Amino acid sequence: QTITNKATGKSEHFEINAYKKHCLMNGLDDIDFLVENKDKIEAWEVAH
């Protein structure tokens, strides 16, 4: 979560929602994320 100006070497930290960070780093949209977690969702439904 950093951006660096390579001309000056200066960097800053930036904020991002943890869920959106996970999706960007794994190439997932919201539907992909649900499909990826289908087993967990189904297990929760069975348990509840």
ModelCIF file with pLDDT and N, C-alpha, C, O atoms, coordinates in Angstrom:
data_MODEL
#
_entry.id   MODEL 
#
_entity.id                         1 
_entity.type                       polymer 
_entity.pdbx_number_of_molecules   1 
#
_entity_poly.entity_id                      1 
_entity_poly.type                           'polypeptide(L)' 
_entity_poly.nstd_linkage                   no 
_entity_poly.nstd_monomer                   no 
_entity_poly.pdbx_seq_one_letter_code       QTITNKATGKSEHFEINAYKKHCLMNGLDDIDFLVENKDKIEAWEVAH 
_entity_poly.pdbx_seq_one_letter_code_can   QTITNKATGKSEHFEINAYKKHCLMNGLDDIDFLVENKDKIEAWEVAH 
_entity_poly.pdbx_strand_id                 A 
#
loop_
_entity_poly_seq.entity_id 
_entity_poly_seq.num 
_entity_poly_seq.mon_id 
_entity_poly_seq.hetero 
1 1  GLN n 
1 2  THR n 
1 3  ILE n 
1 4  THR n 
1 5  ASN n 
1 6  LYS n 
1 7  ALA n 
1 8  THR n 
1 9  GLY n 
1 10 LYS n 
1 11 SER n 
1 12 GLU n 
1 13 HIS n 
1 14 PHE n 
1 15 GLU n 
1 16 ILE n 
1 17 ASN n 
1 18 ALA n 
1 19 TYR n 
1 20 LYS n 
1 21 LYS n 
1 22 HIS n 
1 23 CYS n 
1 24 LEU n 
1 25 MET n 
1 26 ASN n 
1 27 GLY n 
1 28 LEU n 
1 29 ASP n 
1 30 ASP n 
1 31 ILE n 
1 32 ASP n 
1 33 PHE n 
1 34 LEU n 
1 35 VAL n 
1 36 GLU n 
1 37 ASN n 
1 38 LYS n 
1 39 ASP n 
1 40 LYS n 
1 41 ILE n 
1 42 GLU n 
1 43 ALA n 
1 44 TRP n 
1 45 GLU n 
1 46 VAL n 
1 47 ALA n 
1 48 HIS n 
#
_struct_asym.id          A 
_struct_asym.entity_id   1 
#
loop_
_ma_qa_metric.id 
_ma_qa_metric.mode 
_ma_qa_metric.name 
_ma_qa_metric.software_group_id 
_ma_qa_metric.type 
1 global pLDDT . pLDDT 
2 local  pLDDT . pLDDT 
#
_ma_qa_metric_global.metric_id      1 
_ma_qa_metric_global.metric_value   82.08 
_ma_qa_metric_global.model_id       1 
_ma_qa_metric_global.ordinal_id     1 
#
loop_
_ma_qa_metric_local.label_asym_id 
_ma_qa_metric_local.label_comp_id 
_ma_qa_metric_local.label_seq_id 
_ma_qa_metric_local.metric_id 
_ma_qa_metric_local.metric_value 
_ma_qa_metric_local.model_id 
_ma_qa_metric_local.ordinal_id 
A GLN 1  2 98.00 1 1  
A THR 2  2 98.00 1 2  
A ILE 3  2 98.00 1 3  
A THR 4  2 98.00 1 4  
A ASN 5  2 98.00 1 5  
A LYS 6  2 98.00 1 6  
A ALA 7  2 97.00 1 7  
A THR 8  2 97.00 1 8  
A GLY 9  2 97.00 1 9  
A LYS 10 2 97.00 1 10 
A SER 11 2 98.00 1 11 
A GLU 12 2 98.00 1 12 
A HIS 13 2 98.00 1 13 
A PHE 14 2 98.00 1 14 
A GLU 15 2 97.00 1 15 
A ILE 16 2 96.00 1 16 
A ASN 17 2 93.00 1 17 
A ALA 18 2 94.00 1 18 
A TYR 19 2 93.00 1 19 
A LYS 20 2 94.00 1 20 
A LYS 21 2 95.00 1 21 
A HIS 22 2 93.00 1 22 
A CYS 23 2 91.00 1 23 
A LEU 24 2 94.00 1 24 
A MET 25 2 94.00 1 25 
A ASN 26 2 91.00 1 26 
A GLY 27 2 89.00 1 27 
A LEU 28 2 87.00 1 28 
A ASP 29 2 75.00 1 29 
A ASP 30 2 63.00 1 30 
A ILE 31 2 62.00 1 31 
A ASP 32 2 62.00 1 32 
A PHE 33 2 52.00 1 33 
A LEU 34 2 54.00 1 34 
A VAL 35 2 59.00 1 35 
A GLU 36 2 61.00 1 36 
A ASN 37 2 55.00 1 37 
A LYS 38 2 59.00 1 38 
A ASP 39 2 67.00 1 39 
A LYS 40 2 63.00 1 40 
A ILE 41 2 61.00 1 41 
A GLU 42 2 61.00 1 42 
A ALA 43 2 64.00 1 43 
A TRP 44 2 68.00 1 44 
A GLU 45 2 67.00 1 45 
A VAL 46 2 71.00 1 46 
A ALA 47 2 72.00 1 47 
A HIS 48 2 75.00 1 48 
#
loop_
_atom_site.group_PDB 
_atom_site.id 
_atom_site.type_symbol 
_atom_site.label_atom_id 
_atom_site.label_alt_id 
_atom_site.label_comp_id 
_atom_site.label_asym_id 
_atom_site.label_entity_id 
_atom_site.label_seq_id 
_atom_site.pdbx_PDB_ins_code 
_atom_site.Cartn_x 
_atom_site.Cartn_y 
_atom_site.Cartn_z 
_atom_site.occupancy 
_atom_site.B_iso_or_equiv 
_atom_site.pdbx_formal_charge 
_atom_site.auth_seq_id 
_atom_site.auth_comp_id 
_atom_site.auth_asym_id 
_atom_site.auth_atom_id 
_atom_site.pdbx_PDB_model_num 
ATOM 1   N N  . GLN A 1 1  ? 0.825   -1.221  0.000   1.00 98.00 ? 1  GLN A N  1 
ATOM 2   C CA . GLN A 1 1  ? 0.000   0.000   0.000   1.00 98.00 ? 1  GLN A CA 1 
ATOM 3   C C  . GLN A 1 1  ? 0.855   1.267   0.000   1.00 98.00 ? 1  GLN A C  1 
ATOM 4   O O  . GLN A 1 1  ? 0.642   2.185   0.792   1.00 98.00 ? 1  GLN A O  1 
ATOM 5   N N  . THR A 1 2  ? 1.834   1.289   -0.916  1.00 98.00 ? 2  THR A N  1 
ATOM 6   C CA . THR A 1 2  ? 2.696   2.462   -1.042  1.00 98.00 ? 2  THR A CA 1 
ATOM 7   C C  . THR A 1 2  ? 2.735   2.929   -2.489  1.00 98.00 ? 2  THR A C  1 
ATOM 8   O O  . THR A 1 2  ? 2.570   2.140   -3.420  1.00 98.00 ? 2  THR A O  1 
ATOM 9   N N  . ILE A 1 3  ? 2.955   4.217   -2.657  1.00 98.00 ? 3  ILE A N  1 
ATOM 10  C CA . ILE A 1 3  ? 3.214   4.804   -3.963  1.00 98.00 ? 3  ILE A CA 1 
ATOM 11  C C  . ILE A 1 3  ? 4.527   5.568   -3.849  1.00 98.00 ? 3  ILE A C  1 
ATOM 12  O O  . ILE A 1 3  ? 4.748   6.314   -2.895  1.00 98.00 ? 3  ILE A O  1 
ATOM 13  N N  . THR A 1 4  ? 5.400   5.367   -4.847  1.00 98.00 ? 4  THR A N  1 
ATOM 14  C CA . THR A 1 4  ? 6.727   5.979   -4.820  1.00 98.00 ? 4  THR A CA 1 
ATOM 15  C C  . THR A 1 4  ? 6.948   6.807   -6.078  1.00 98.00 ? 4  THR A C  1 
ATOM 16  O O  . THR A 1 4  ? 6.751   6.330   -7.196  1.00 98.00 ? 4  THR A O  1 
ATOM 17  N N  . ASN A 1 5  ? 7.354   8.034   -5.880  1.00 98.00 ? 5  ASN A N  1 
ATOM 18  C CA . ASN A 1 5  ? 7.788   8.894   -6.972  1.00 98.00 ? 5  ASN A CA 1 
ATOM 19  C C  . ASN A 1 5  ? 9.247   8.529   -7.248  1.00 98.00 ? 5  ASN A C  1 
ATOM 20  O O  . ASN A 1 5  ? 10.130  8.885   -6.468  1.00 98.00 ? 5  ASN A O  1 
ATOM 21  N N  . LYS A 1 6  ? 9.505   7.822   -8.350  1.00 98.00 ? 6  LYS A N  1 
ATOM 22  C CA . LYS A 1 6  ? 10.857  7.318   -8.593  1.00 98.00 ? 6  LYS A CA 1 
ATOM 23  C C  . LYS A 1 6  ? 11.830  8.425   -8.983  1.00 98.00 ? 6  LYS A C  1 
ATOM 24  O O  . LYS A 1 6  ? 13.044  8.224   -8.972  1.00 98.00 ? 6  LYS A O  1 
ATOM 25  N N  . ALA A 1 7  ? 11.292  9.597   -9.329  1.00 97.00 ? 7  ALA A N  1 
ATOM 26  C CA . ALA A 1 7  ? 12.167  10.729  -9.653  1.00 97.00 ? 7  ALA A CA 1 
ATOM 27  C C  . ALA A 1 7  ? 12.803  11.312  -8.390  1.00 97.00 ? 7  ALA A C  1 
ATOM 28  O O  . ALA A 1 7  ? 13.930  11.806  -8.427  1.00 97.00 ? 7  ALA A O  1 
ATOM 29  N N  . THR A 1 8  ? 12.077  11.251  -7.277  1.00 97.00 ? 8  THR A N  1 
ATOM 30  C CA . THR A 1 8  ? 12.576  11.848  -6.028  1.00 97.00 ? 8  THR A CA 1 
ATOM 31  C C  . THR A 1 8  ? 12.873  10.798  -4.963  1.00 97.00 ? 8  THR A C  1 
ATOM 32  O O  . THR A 1 8  ? 13.584  11.068  -3.995  1.00 97.00 ? 8  THR A O  1 
ATOM 33  N N  . GLY A 1 9  ? 12.318  9.590   -5.150  1.00 97.00 ? 9  GLY A N  1 
ATOM 34  C CA . GLY A 1 9  ? 12.486  8.541   -4.148  1.00 97.00 ? 9  GLY A CA 1 
ATOM 35  C C  . GLY A 1 9  ? 11.509  8.631   -2.998  1.00 97.00 ? 9  GLY A C  1 
ATOM 36  O O  . GLY A 1 9  ? 11.545  7.797   -2.094  1.00 97.00 ? 9  GLY A O  1 
ATOM 37  N N  . LYS A 1 10 ? 10.643  9.619   -3.012  1.00 97.00 ? 10 LYS A N  1 
ATOM 38  C CA . LYS A 1 10 ? 9.693   9.788   -1.897  1.00 97.00 ? 10 LYS A CA 1 
ATOM 39  C C  . LYS A 1 10 ? 8.496   8.844   -2.070  1.00 97.00 ? 10 LYS A C  1 
ATOM 40  O O  . LYS A 1 10 ? 8.025   8.598   -3.181  1.00 97.00 ? 10 LYS A O  1 
ATOM 41  N N  . SER A 1 11 ? 8.027   8.331   -0.937  1.00 98.00 ? 11 SER A N  1 
ATOM 42  C CA . SER A 1 11 ? 6.893   7.406   -0.927  1.00 98.00 ? 11 SER A CA 1 
ATOM 43  C C  . SER A 1 11 ? 5.826   7.879   0.040   1.00 98.00 ? 11 SER A C  1 
ATOM 44  O O  . SER A 1 11 ? 6.102   8.607   0.993   1.00 98.00 ? 11 SER A O  1 
ATOM 45  N N  . GLU A 1 12 ? 4.605   7.451   -0.226  1.00 98.00 ? 12 GLU A N  1 
ATOM 46  C CA . GLU A 1 12 ? 3.503   7.631   0.734   1.00 98.00 ? 12 GLU A CA 1 
ATOM 47  C C  . GLU A 1 12 ? 2.718   6.340   0.837   1.00 98.00 ? 12 GLU A C  1 
ATOM 48  O O  . GLU A 1 12 ? 2.646   5.552   -0.107  1.00 98.00 ? 12 GLU A O  1 
ATOM 49  N N  . HIS A 1 13 ? 2.133   6.144   2.003   1.00 98.00 ? 13 HIS A N  1 
ATOM 50  C CA . HIS A 1 13 ? 1.250   5.009   2.249   1.00 98.00 ? 13 HIS A CA 1 
ATOM 51  C C  . HIS A 1 13 ? -0.173  5.417   1.879   1.00 98.00 ? 13 HIS A C  1 
ATOM 52  O O  . HIS A 1 13 ? -0.577  6.551   2.134   1.00 98.00 ? 13 HIS A O  1 
ATOM 53  N N  . PHE A 1 14 ? -0.934  4.503   1.280   1.00 98.00 ? 14 PHE A N  1 
ATOM 54  C CA . PHE A 1 14 ? -2.340  4.806   0.982   1.00 98.00 ? 14 PHE A CA 1 
ATOM 55  C C  . PHE A 1 14 ? -3.246  3.745   1.586   1.00 98.00 ? 14 PHE A C  1 
ATOM 56  O O  . PHE A 1 14 ? -2.830  2.612   1.826   1.00 98.00 ? 14 PHE A O  1 
ATOM 57  N N  . GLU A 1 15 ? -4.484  4.135   1.826   1.00 97.00 ? 15 GLU A N  1 
ATOM 58  C CA . GLU A 1 15 ? -5.464  3.239   2.441   1.00 97.00 ? 15 GLU A CA 1 
ATOM 59  C C  . GLU A 1 15 ? -6.309  2.552   1.363   1.00 97.00 ? 15 GLU A C  1 
ATOM 60  O O  . GLU A 1 15 ? -6.575  3.116   0.301   1.00 97.00 ? 15 GLU A O  1 
ATOM 61  N N  . ILE A 1 16 ? -6.718  1.330   1.666   1.00 96.00 ? 16 ILE A N  1 
ATOM 62  C CA . ILE A 1 16 ? -7.660  0.622   0.796   1.00 96.00 ? 16 ILE A CA 1 
ATOM 63  C C  . ILE A 1 16 ? -8.432  -0.381  1.644   1.00 96.00 ? 16 ILE A C  1 
ATOM 64  O O  . ILE A 1 16 ? -7.875  -0.987  2.559   1.00 96.00 ? 16 ILE A O  1 
ATOM 65  N N  . ASN A 1 17 ? -9.701  -0.551  1.339   1.00 93.00 ? 17 ASN A N  1 
ATOM 66  C CA . ASN A 1 17 ? -10.541 -1.537  2.006   1.00 93.00 ? 17 ASN A CA 1 
ATOM 67  C C  . ASN A 1 17 ? -9.916  -2.929  1.836   1.00 93.00 ? 17 ASN A C  1 
ATOM 68  O O  . ASN A 1 17 ? -9.513  -3.295  0.731   1.00 93.00 ? 17 ASN A O  1 
ATOM 69  N N  . ALA A 1 18 ? -9.835  -3.696  2.911   1.00 94.00 ? 18 ALA A N  1 
ATOM 70  C CA . ALA A 1 18 ? -9.155  -5.004  2.880   1.00 94.00 ? 18 ALA A CA 1 
ATOM 71  C C  . ALA A 1 18 ? -9.808  -5.969  1.895   1.00 94.00 ? 18 ALA A C  1 
ATOM 72  O O  . ALA A 1 18 ? -9.117  -6.722  1.209   1.00 94.00 ? 18 ALA A O  1 
ATOM 73  N N  . TYR A 1 19 ? -11.133 -5.948  1.823   1.00 93.00 ? 19 TYR A N  1 
ATOM 74  C CA . TYR A 1 19 ? -11.840 -6.828  0.887   1.00 93.00 ? 19 TYR A CA 1 
ATOM 75  C C  . TYR A 1 19 ? -11.499 -6.463  -0.557  1.00 93.00 ? 19 TYR A C  1 
ATOM 76  O O  . TYR A 1 19 ? -11.224 -7.343  -1.373  1.00 93.00 ? 19 TYR A O  1 
ATOM 77  N N  . LYS A 1 20 ? -11.515 -5.157  -0.874  1.00 94.00 ? 20 LYS A N  1 
ATOM 78  C CA . LYS A 1 20 ? -11.206 -4.723  -2.238  1.00 94.00 ? 20 LYS A CA 1 
ATOM 79  C C  . LYS A 1 20 ? -9.747  -5.017  -2.577  1.00 94.00 ? 20 LYS A C  1 
ATOM 80  O O  . LYS A 1 20 ? -9.433  -5.368  -3.714  1.00 94.00 ? 20 LYS A O  1 
ATOM 81  N N  . LYS A 1 21 ? -8.865  -4.875  -1.606  1.00 95.00 ? 21 LYS A N  1 
ATOM 82  C CA . LYS A 1 21 ? -7.452  -5.211  -1.826  1.00 95.00 ? 21 LYS A CA 1 
ATOM 83  C C  . LYS A 1 21 ? -7.326  -6.689  -2.202  1.00 95.00 ? 21 LYS A C  1 
ATOM 84  O O  . LYS A 1 21 ? -6.625  -7.034  -3.153  1.00 95.00 ? 21 LYS A O  1 
ATOM 85  N N  . HIS A 1 22 ? -8.007  -7.559  -1.452  1.00 93.00 ? 22 HIS A N  1 
ATOM 86  C CA . HIS A 1 22 ? -7.981  -8.995  -1.745  1.00 93.00 ? 22 HIS A CA 1 
ATOM 87  C C  . HIS A 1 22 ? -8.489  -9.273  -3.156  1.00 93.00 ? 22 HIS A C  1 
ATOM 88  O O  . HIS A 1 22 ? -7.900  -10.062 -3.895  1.00 93.00 ? 22 HIS A O  1 
ATOM 89  N N  . CYS A 1 23 ? -9.591  -8.614  -3.522  1.00 91.00 ? 23 CYS A N  1 
ATOM 90  C CA . CYS A 1 23 ? -10.167 -8.835  -4.852  1.00 91.00 ? 23 CYS A CA 1 
ATOM 91  C C  . CYS A 1 23 ? -9.220  -8.376  -5.958  1.00 91.00 ? 23 CYS A C  1 
ATOM 92  O O  . CYS A 1 23 ? -9.032  -9.088  -6.945  1.00 91.00 ? 23 CYS A O  1 
ATOM 93  N N  . LEU A 1 24 ? -8.623  -7.195  -5.804  1.00 94.00 ? 24 LEU A N  1 
ATOM 94  C CA . LEU A 1 24 ? -7.697  -6.695  -6.815  1.00 94.00 ? 24 LEU A CA 1 
ATOM 95  C C  . LEU A 1 24 ? -6.478  -7.606  -6.949  1.00 94.00 ? 24 LEU A C  1 
ATOM 96  O O  . LEU A 1 24 ? -6.050  -7.916  -8.062  1.00 94.00 ? 24 LEU A O  1 
ATOM 97  N N  . MET A 1 25 ? -5.925  -8.032  -5.826  1.00 94.00 ? 25 MET A N  1 
ATOM 98  C CA . MET A 1 25 ? -4.706  -8.846  -5.871  1.00 94.00 ? 25 MET A CA 1 
ATOM 99  C C  . MET A 1 25 ? -4.968  -10.239 -6.437  1.00 94.00 ? 25 MET A C  1 
ATOM 100 O O  . MET A 1 25 ? -4.047  -10.901 -6.916  1.00 94.00 ? 25 MET A O  1 
ATOM 101 N N  . ASN A 1 26 ? -6.216  -10.679 -6.383  1.00 91.00 ? 26 ASN A N  1 
ATOM 102 C CA . ASN A 1 26 ? -6.541  -12.017 -6.874  1.00 91.00 ? 26 ASN A CA 1 
ATOM 103 C C  . ASN A 1 26 ? -7.373  -12.004 -8.159  1.00 91.00 ? 26 ASN A C  1 
ATOM 104 O O  . ASN A 1 26 ? -7.804  -13.050 -8.646  1.00 91.00 ? 26 ASN A O  1 
ATOM 105 N N  . GLY A 1 27 ? -7.592  -10.788 -8.702  1.00 89.00 ? 27 GLY A N  1 
ATOM 106 C CA . GLY A 1 27 ? -8.329  -10.684 -9.958  1.00 89.00 ? 27 GLY A CA 1 
ATOM 107 C C  . GLY A 1 27 ? -9.785  -11.107 -9.849  1.00 89.00 ? 27 GLY A C  1 
ATOM 108 O O  . GLY A 1 27 ? -10.328 -11.711 -10.774 1.00 89.00 ? 27 GLY A O  1 
ATOM 109 N N  . LEU A 1 28 ? -10.417 -10.794 -8.728  1.00 87.00 ? 28 LEU A N  1 
ATOM 110 C CA . LEU A 1 28 ? -11.787 -11.238 -8.465  1.00 87.00 ? 28 LEU A CA 1 
ATOM 111 C C  . LEU A 1 28 ? -12.753 -10.066 -8.448  1.00 87.00 ? 28 LEU A C  1 
ATOM 112 O O  . LEU A 1 28 ? -12.477 -9.042  -7.822  1.00 87.00 ? 28 LEU A O  1 
ATOM 113 N N  . ASP A 1 29 ? -13.891 -10.206 -9.133  1.00 75.00 ? 29 ASP A N  1 
ATOM 114 C CA . ASP A 1 29 ? -14.974 -9.266  -8.894  1.00 75.00 ? 29 ASP A CA 1 
ATOM 115 C C  . ASP A 1 29 ? -15.863 -9.852  -7.796  1.00 75.00 ? 29 ASP A C  1 
ATOM 116 O O  . ASP A 1 29 ? -15.556 -10.915 -7.257  1.00 75.00 ? 29 ASP A O  1 
ATOM 117 N N  . ASP A 1 30 ? -16.954 -9.176  -7.461  1.00 63.00 ? 30 ASP A N  1 
ATOM 118 C CA . ASP A 1 30 ? -17.781 -9.625  -6.334  1.00 63.00 ? 30 ASP A CA 1 
ATOM 119 C C  . ASP A 1 30 ? -18.361 -11.018 -6.570  1.00 63.00 ? 30 ASP A C  1 
ATOM 120 O O  . ASP A 1 30 ? -18.454 -11.818 -5.638  1.00 63.00 ? 30 ASP A O  1 
ATOM 121 N N  . ILE A 1 31 ? -18.754 -11.314 -7.819  1.00 62.00 ? 31 ILE A N  1 
ATOM 122 C CA . ILE A 1 31 ? -19.306 -12.634 -8.139  1.00 62.00 ? 31 ILE A CA 1 
ATOM 123 C C  . ILE A 1 31 ? -18.221 -13.699 -8.037  1.00 62.00 ? 31 ILE A C  1 
ATOM 124 O O  . ILE A 1 31 ? -18.441 -14.766 -7.465  1.00 62.00 ? 31 ILE A O  1 
ATOM 125 N N  . ASP A 1 32 ? -17.041 -13.402 -8.596  1.00 62.00 ? 32 ASP A N  1 
ATOM 126 C CA . ASP A 1 32 ? -15.915 -14.348 -8.500  1.00 62.00 ? 32 ASP A CA 1 
ATOM 127 C C  . ASP A 1 32 ? -15.621 -14.687 -7.039  1.00 62.00 ? 32 ASP A C  1 
ATOM 128 O O  . ASP A 1 32 ? -15.354 -15.838 -6.695  1.00 62.00 ? 32 ASP A O  1 
ATOM 129 N N  . PHE A 1 33 ? -15.677 -13.647 -6.179  1.00 52.00 ? 33 PHE A N  1 
ATOM 130 C CA . PHE A 1 33 ? -15.379 -13.855 -4.762  1.00 52.00 ? 33 PHE A CA 1 
ATOM 131 C C  . PHE A 1 33 ? -16.382 -14.820 -4.134  1.00 52.00 ? 33 PHE A C  1 
ATOM 132 O O  . PHE A 1 33 ? -16.009 -15.698 -3.356  1.00 52.00 ? 33 PHE A O  1 
ATOM 133 N N  . LEU A 1 34 ? -17.663 -14.649 -4.479  1.00 54.00 ? 34 LEU A N  1 
ATOM 134 C CA . LEU A 1 34 ? -18.689 -15.541 -3.942  1.00 54.00 ? 34 LEU A CA 1 
ATOM 135 C C  . LEU A 1 34 ? -18.492 -16.965 -4.441  1.00 54.00 ? 34 LEU A C  1 
ATOM 136 O O  . LEU A 1 34 ? -18.629 -17.918 -3.674  1.00 54.00 ? 34 LEU A O  1 
ATOM 137 N N  . VAL A 1 35 ? -18.172 -17.112 -5.721  1.00 59.00 ? 35 VAL A N  1 
ATOM 138 C CA . VAL A 1 35 ? -17.934 -18.448 -6.289  1.00 59.00 ? 35 VAL A CA 1 
ATOM 139 C C  . VAL A 1 35 ? -16.729 -19.100 -5.611  1.00 59.00 ? 35 VAL A C  1 
ATOM 140 O O  . VAL A 1 35 ? -16.744 -20.292 -5.306  1.00 59.00 ? 35 VAL A O  1 
ATOM 141 N N  . GLU A 1 36 ? -15.678 -18.291 -5.380  1.00 61.00 ? 36 GLU A N  1 
ATOM 142 C CA . GLU A 1 36 ? -14.469 -18.800 -4.726  1.00 61.00 ? 36 GLU A CA 1 
ATOM 143 C C  . GLU A 1 36 ? -14.788 -19.329 -3.327  1.00 61.00 ? 36 GLU A C  1 
ATOM 144 O O  . GLU A 1 36 ? -14.135 -20.252 -2.841  1.00 61.00 ? 36 GLU A O  1 
ATOM 145 N N  . ASN A 1 37 ? -15.802 -18.735 -2.684  1.00 55.00 ? 37 ASN A N  1 
ATOM 146 C CA . ASN A 1 37 ? -16.156 -19.111 -1.309  1.00 55.00 ? 37 ASN A CA 1 
ATOM 147 C C  . ASN A 1 37 ? -17.440 -19.933 -1.234  1.00 55.00 ? 37 ASN A C  1 
ATOM 148 O O  . ASN A 1 37 ? -18.075 -20.012 -0.182  1.00 55.00 ? 37 ASN A O  1 
ATOM 149 N N  . LYS A 1 38 ? -17.816 -20.545 -2.356  1.00 59.00 ? 38 LYS A N  1 
ATOM 150 C CA . LYS A 1 38 ? -19.076 -21.298 -2.423  1.00 59.00 ? 38 LYS A CA 1 
ATOM 151 C C  . LYS A 1 38 ? -19.140 -22.397 -1.356  1.00 59.00 ? 38 LYS A C  1 
ATOM 152 O O  . LYS A 1 38 ? -20.168 -22.582 -0.705  1.00 59.00 ? 38 LYS A O  1 
ATOM 153 N N  . ASP A 1 39 ? -18.033 -23.119 -1.185  1.00 67.00 ? 39 ASP A N  1 
ATOM 154 C CA . ASP A 1 39 ? -18.039 -24.220 -0.205  1.00 67.00 ? 39 ASP A CA 1 
ATOM 155 C C  . ASP A 1 39 ? -18.271 -23.696 1.208   1.00 67.00 ? 39 ASP A C  1 
ATOM 156 O O  . ASP A 1 39 ? -19.012 -24.299 1.985   1.00 67.00 ? 39 ASP A O  1 
ATOM 157 N N  . LYS A 1 40 ? -17.637 -22.577 1.539   1.00 63.00 ? 40 LYS A N  1 
ATOM 158 C CA . LYS A 1 40 ? -17.807 -21.991 2.882   1.00 63.00 ? 40 LYS A CA 1 
ATOM 159 C C  . LYS A 1 40 ? -19.246 -21.524 3.081   1.00 63.00 ? 40 LYS A C  1 
ATOM 160 O O  . LYS A 1 40 ? -19.821 -21.700 4.155   1.00 63.00 ? 40 LYS A O  1 
ATOM 161 N N  . ILE A 1 41 ? -19.822 -20.926 2.035   1.00 61.00 ? 41 ILE A N  1 
ATOM 162 C CA . ILE A 1 41 ? -21.207 -20.443 2.117   1.00 61.00 ? 41 ILE A CA 1 
ATOM 163 C C  . ILE A 1 41 ? -22.155 -21.622 2.332   1.00 61.00 ? 41 ILE A C  1 
ATOM 164 O O  . ILE A 1 41 ? -23.047 -21.574 3.179   1.00 61.00 ? 41 ILE A O  1 
ATOM 165 N N  . GLU A 1 42 ? -21.943 -22.678 1.551   1.00 61.00 ? 42 GLU A N  1 
ATOM 166 C CA . GLU A 1 42 ? -22.817 -23.853 1.666   1.00 61.00 ? 42 GLU A CA 1 
ATOM 167 C C  . GLU A 1 42 ? -22.666 -24.514 3.035   1.00 61.00 ? 42 GLU A C  1 
ATOM 168 O O  . GLU A 1 42 ? -23.645 -24.970 3.625   1.00 61.00 ? 42 GLU A O  1 
ATOM 169 N N  . ALA A 1 43 ? -21.438 -24.559 3.528   1.00 64.00 ? 43 ALA A N  1 
ATOM 170 C CA . ALA A 1 43 ? -21.204 -25.160 4.860   1.00 64.00 ? 43 ALA A CA 1 
ATOM 171 C C  . ALA A 1 43 ? -21.897 -24.343 5.955   1.00 64.00 ? 43 ALA A C  1 
ATOM 172 O O  . ALA A 1 43 ? -22.446 -24.903 6.903   1.00 64.00 ? 43 ALA A O  1 
ATOM 173 N N  . TRP A 1 44 ? -21.865 -23.014 5.815   1.00 68.00 ? 44 TRP A N  1 
ATOM 174 C CA . TRP A 1 44 ? -22.539 -22.142 6.790   1.00 68.00 ? 44 TRP A CA 1 
ATOM 175 C C  . TRP A 1 44 ? -24.045 -22.377 6.741   1.00 68.00 ? 44 TRP A C  1 
ATOM 176 O O  . TRP A 1 44 ? -24.708 -22.442 7.777   1.00 68.00 ? 44 TRP A O  1 
ATOM 177 N N  . GLU A 1 45 ? -24.582 -22.503 5.515   1.00 67.00 ? 45 GLU A N  1 
ATOM 178 C CA . GLU A 1 45 ? -26.027 -22.718 5.383   1.00 67.00 ? 45 GLU A CA 1 
ATOM 179 C C  . GLU A 1 45 ? -26.454 -24.044 6.019   1.00 67.00 ? 45 GLU A C  1 
ATOM 180 O O  . GLU A 1 45 ? -27.492 -24.124 6.676   1.00 67.00 ? 45 GLU A O  1 
ATOM 181 N N  . VAL A 1 46 ? -25.645 -25.071 5.815   1.00 71.00 ? 46 VAL A N  1 
ATOM 182 C CA . VAL A 1 46 ? -25.951 -26.393 6.411   1.00 71.00 ? 46 VAL A CA 1 
ATOM 183 C C  . VAL A 1 46 ? -25.913 -26.287 7.940   1.00 71.00 ? 46 VAL A C  1 
ATOM 184 O O  . VAL A 1 46 ? -26.787 -26.812 8.630   1.00 71.00 ? 46 VAL A O  1 
ATOM 185 N N  . ALA A 1 47 ? -24.894 -25.605 8.452   1.00 72.00 ? 47 ALA A N  1 
ATOM 186 C CA . ALA A 1 47 ? -24.727 -25.489 9.909   1.00 72.00 ? 47 ALA A CA 1 
ATOM 187 C C  . ALA A 1 47 ? -25.830 -24.663 10.548  1.00 72.00 ? 47 ALA A C  1 
ATOM 188 O O  . ALA A 1 47 ? -26.133 -24.853 11.726  1.00 72.00 ? 47 ALA A O  1 
ATOM 189 N N  . HIS A 1 48 ? -26.445 -23.737 9.788   1.00 75.00 ? 48 HIS A N  1 
ATOM 190 C CA . HIS A 1 48 ? -27.443 -22.844 10.373  1.00 75.00 ? 48 HIS A CA 1 
ATOM 191 C C  . HIS A 1 48 ? -28.861 -23.138 9.869   1.00 75.00 ? 48 HIS A C  1 
ATOM 192 O O  . HIS A 1 48 ? -29.812 -22.468 10.273  1.00 75.00 ? 48 HIS A O  1 
#
